[in-house]
Amino acid sequence: MPPTAGDAPLTHVRVGVVLEQTASAGPWAVTQWRVTDLIIGGGPAAAPQTLAAGPGWERLYAGNLELRLFRDAIAGYLHNLGSAQPVVYVVLRPDEEGDGMHPFHLTVCPVEAQDYLVGGAEIVETVPMPAAICAWVQAFVNRNPQPEPFRKRRQTAKTTETAGGGSGPQGCGTAGERRR
């Protein structure tokens, strides 16, 4: 069931993010970070909290973020919902110490997620969209107007009547009149 506040549908929902840190096999990074789970409604207030750990890995609850929906991004939501596996995009940023990552932003719009890849400081991870979030996004799309498909306009042939007969800022006066 999509999140609601009484009878009014919500345009945002609180989501907790679970990250997993593993030792990297590559020469450029000591650790790798990936999003493993989302907690709809959020998790505990204190973050980060270690949920599980083993040799070379640690799974931790990283905190809560707001997932917000906007009417001007409906085309992106439709693209995501129409894919084989809809996803939630989680934007991760390096923490202040530089040795870890923290979740910074959540979105379900692939266009918005792509914008975060330009700078190079952020990492955009995907996690399969939970069924409740999928139903919530679909309900939002159904309540709001669909974007109009792009249609290229064809240029119409111009006649002397529609072109103004040579008058106007580019013309030299009315038709048949000579300029001296």
Protein backbone atom coordinates (compact mmCIF):
# COMPACT_ATOMS: atom_id res chain seq x y z
CA MET A 1 0.00 0.00 0.00
CA PRO A 2 1.44 3.42 -0.93
CA PRO A 3 2.37 5.73 1.96
CA THR A 4 -0.36 8.25 2.84
CA ALA A 5 -1.06 10.83 5.53
CA GLY A 6 -4.68 10.11 6.37
CA ASP A 7 -6.52 10.50 3.07
CA ALA A 8 -3.91 12.73 1.39
CA PRO A 9 -1.18 11.01 -0.65
CA LEU A 10 2.39 11.93 0.24
CA THR A 11 4.98 13.39 -2.12
CA HIS A 12 7.81 12.21 0.13
CA VAL A 13 8.59 9.19 2.26
CA ARG A 14 11.32 8.51 4.83
CA VAL A 15 13.71 5.70 3.85
CA GLY A 16 16.56 4.15 5.82
CA VAL A 17 19.70 3.11 3.92
CA VAL A 18 21.80 0.02 4.66
CA LEU A 19 25.37 0.01 3.29
CA GLU A 20 27.95 -2.72 3.06
CA GLN A 21 31.67 -2.03 3.19
CA THR A 22 34.05 -4.67 1.82
CA ALA A 23 37.79 -4.81 1.34
CA SER A 24 38.71 -3.84 -2.20
CA ALA A 25 40.75 -6.12 -4.42
CA GLY A 26 41.72 -3.20 -6.68
CA PRO A 27 44.83 -1.05 -6.28
CA TRP A 28 43.01 2.32 -6.23
CA ALA A 29 40.71 1.94 -3.23
CA VAL A 30 41.04 0.30 0.16
CA THR A 31 37.29 -0.34 0.52
CA GLN A 32 34.23 -0.67 -1.67
CA TRP A 33 30.79 0.56 -0.68
CA ARG A 34 27.43 -0.65 -1.94
CA VAL A 35 23.81 -0.20 -0.93
CA THR A 36 22.26 -3.49 0.16
CA ASP A 37 18.82 -2.57 1.47
CA LEU A 38 16.26 0.17 2.03
CA ILE A 39 14.05 0.44 5.11
CA ILE A 40 10.71 2.05 4.24
CA GLY A 41 9.65 4.42 6.99
CA GLY A 42 13.24 4.84 8.15
CA GLY A 43 15.35 3.09 10.70
CA PRO A 44 16.71 3.95 14.13
CA ALA A 45 17.56 7.59 14.86
CA ALA A 46 21.19 6.89 15.73
CA ALA A 47 23.34 6.26 12.68
CA PRO A 48 25.66 4.77 11.68
CA GLN A 49 25.06 1.47 13.44
CA THR A 50 26.81 -1.80 12.65
CA LEU A 51 24.24 -4.46 11.80
CA ALA A 52 26.60 -7.32 10.99
CA ALA A 53 30.33 -7.79 10.43
CA GLY A 54 32.78 -10.44 9.38
CA PRO A 55 36.35 -10.72 8.12
CA GLY A 56 36.76 -8.07 5.42
CA TRP A 57 33.18 -6.74 5.46
CA GLU A 58 30.76 -4.73 7.55
CA ARG A 59 27.05 -4.04 7.02
CA LEU A 60 25.76 -0.88 8.64
CA TYR A 61 22.65 1.20 8.92
CA ALA A 62 23.76 4.55 7.49
CA GLY A 63 20.78 6.81 8.26
CA ASN A 64 17.47 8.10 6.96
CA LEU A 65 16.78 10.18 3.87
CA GLU A 66 13.63 11.61 2.31
CA LEU A 67 12.59 10.21 -1.06
CA ARG A 68 10.66 13.03 -2.78
CA LEU A 69 8.59 13.03 -5.95
CA PHE A 70 8.17 16.03 -8.27
CA ARG A 71 5.70 16.56 -11.10
CA ASP A 72 8.35 17.81 -13.52
CA ALA A 73 10.21 14.48 -13.26
CA ILE A 74 7.28 12.24 -14.25
CA ALA A 75 8.90 11.29 -17.58
CA GLY A 76 11.91 9.90 -15.66
CA TYR A 77 9.64 8.02 -13.24
CA LEU A 78 7.78 6.47 -16.17
CA HIS A 79 11.09 5.41 -17.74
CA ASN A 80 12.19 3.78 -14.46
CA LEU A 81 8.84 2.06 -13.86
CA GLY A 82 8.82 0.77 -17.45
CA SER A 83 12.22 -0.91 -17.11
CA ALA A 84 12.63 -4.63 -16.46
CA GLN A 85 13.72 -3.93 -12.86
CA PRO A 86 12.72 -0.52 -11.41
CA VAL A 87 15.37 0.82 -9.04
CA VAL A 88 15.95 3.45 -6.39
CA TYR A 89 19.11 5.50 -6.96
CA VAL A 90 21.15 6.20 -3.82
CA VAL A 91 23.79 8.94 -4.09
CA LEU A 92 26.77 8.36 -1.79
CA ARG A 93 29.34 11.00 -0.84
CA PRO A 94 32.66 10.65 0.92
CA ASP A 95 32.51 11.50 4.61
CA GLU A 96 34.61 14.27 6.15
CA GLU A 97 37.40 11.93 7.24
CA GLY A 98 37.67 10.59 3.68
CA ASP A 99 37.67 6.93 4.68
CA GLY A 100 33.96 6.20 4.37
CA MET A 101 30.81 7.03 2.46
CA HIS A 102 27.42 8.26 3.59
CA PRO A 103 24.09 8.40 1.76
CA PHE A 104 23.37 11.91 0.56
CA HIS A 105 20.31 11.71 -1.71
CA LEU A 106 17.60 9.29 -2.91
CA THR A 107 15.73 9.46 -6.21
CA VAL A 108 13.72 7.25 -8.53
CA CYS A 109 14.41 9.47 -11.56
CA PRO A 110 17.28 8.20 -13.77
CA VAL A 111 17.84 11.69 -15.23
CA GLU A 112 18.40 13.18 -11.77
CA ALA A 113 20.70 10.30 -10.80
CA GLN A 114 22.75 10.81 -13.95
CA ASP A 115 23.34 14.46 -13.02
CA TYR A 116 25.22 13.33 -9.90
CA LEU A 117 27.67 11.29 -11.99
CA VAL A 118 29.06 14.37 -13.74
CA GLY A 119 31.21 15.75 -10.89
CA GLY A 120 32.90 12.49 -9.99
CA ALA A 121 32.88 12.96 -6.19
CA GLU A 122 29.60 11.10 -5.71
CA ILE A 123 28.86 7.44 -6.30
CA VAL A 124 25.38 6.49 -7.53
CA GLU A 125 24.28 3.04 -6.43
CA THR A 126 21.08 1.28 -7.41
CA VAL A 127 18.94 -1.00 -5.33
CA PRO A 128 15.80 -2.82 -6.56
CA MET A 129 12.71 -0.71 -5.89
CA PRO A 130 10.60 -2.23 -3.09
CA ALA A 131 7.03 -3.06 -4.10
CA ALA A 132 5.56 -0.43 -1.73
CA ILE A 133 7.69 2.34 -3.24
CA CYS A 134 6.87 1.13 -6.75
CA ALA A 135 3.12 1.32 -5.99
CA TRP A 136 3.58 4.77 -4.40
CA VAL A 137 5.46 6.13 -7.45
CA GLN A 138 2.87 4.62 -9.82
CA ALA A 139 0.04 6.21 -7.83
CA PHE A 140 1.84 9.59 -8.00
CA VAL A 141 2.24 9.25 -11.78
CA ASN A 142 -1.44 8.31 -12.16
CA ARG A 143 -2.58 11.36 -10.13
CA ASN A 144 -0.55 13.87 -12.14
CA PRO A 145 -0.75 14.81 -15.82
CA GLN A 146 1.35 12.79 -18.22
CA PRO A 147 4.07 14.64 -20.13
CA GLU A 148 3.20 15.41 -23.73
CA PRO A 149 5.25 13.40 -26.22
CA PHE A 150 7.70 15.42 -28.26
CA ARG A 151 6.45 16.14 -31.75
CA LYS A 152 8.62 17.86 -34.27
CA ARG A 153 6.73 20.60 -36.05
CA ARG A 154 6.94 20.71 -39.79
CA GLN A 155 7.70 23.97 -41.46
CA THR A 156 4.88 25.09 -43.72
CA ALA A 157 5.48 26.46 -47.19
CA LYS A 158 5.40 30.25 -47.21
CA THR A 159 3.55 32.22 -49.83
CA THR A 160 3.86 35.91 -50.53
CA GLU A 161 0.60 36.49 -48.67
CA THR A 162 1.74 34.70 -45.52
CA ALA A 163 5.25 36.11 -45.74
CA GLY A 164 3.91 39.67 -45.79
CA GLY A 165 4.56 40.40 -49.47
CA GLY A 166 8.00 41.83 -48.88
CA SER A 167 6.97 44.28 -46.18
CA GLY A 168 8.26 44.19 -42.67
CA PRO A 169 11.70 44.67 -41.19
CA GLN A 170 13.46 42.62 -43.89
CA GLY A 171 11.33 43.88 -46.79
CA CYS A 172 11.79 47.00 -48.85
CA GLY A 173 8.21 48.18 -48.60
CA THR A 174 5.02 46.85 -50.10
CA ALA A 175 4.95 44.68 -53.19
CA GLY A 176 5.45 46.61 -56.43
CA GLU A 177 6.90 49.68 -54.70
CA ARG A 178 10.46 50.71 -55.47
CA ARG A 179 12.72 52.08 -52.89
CA ARG A 180 14.92 55.04 -53.81
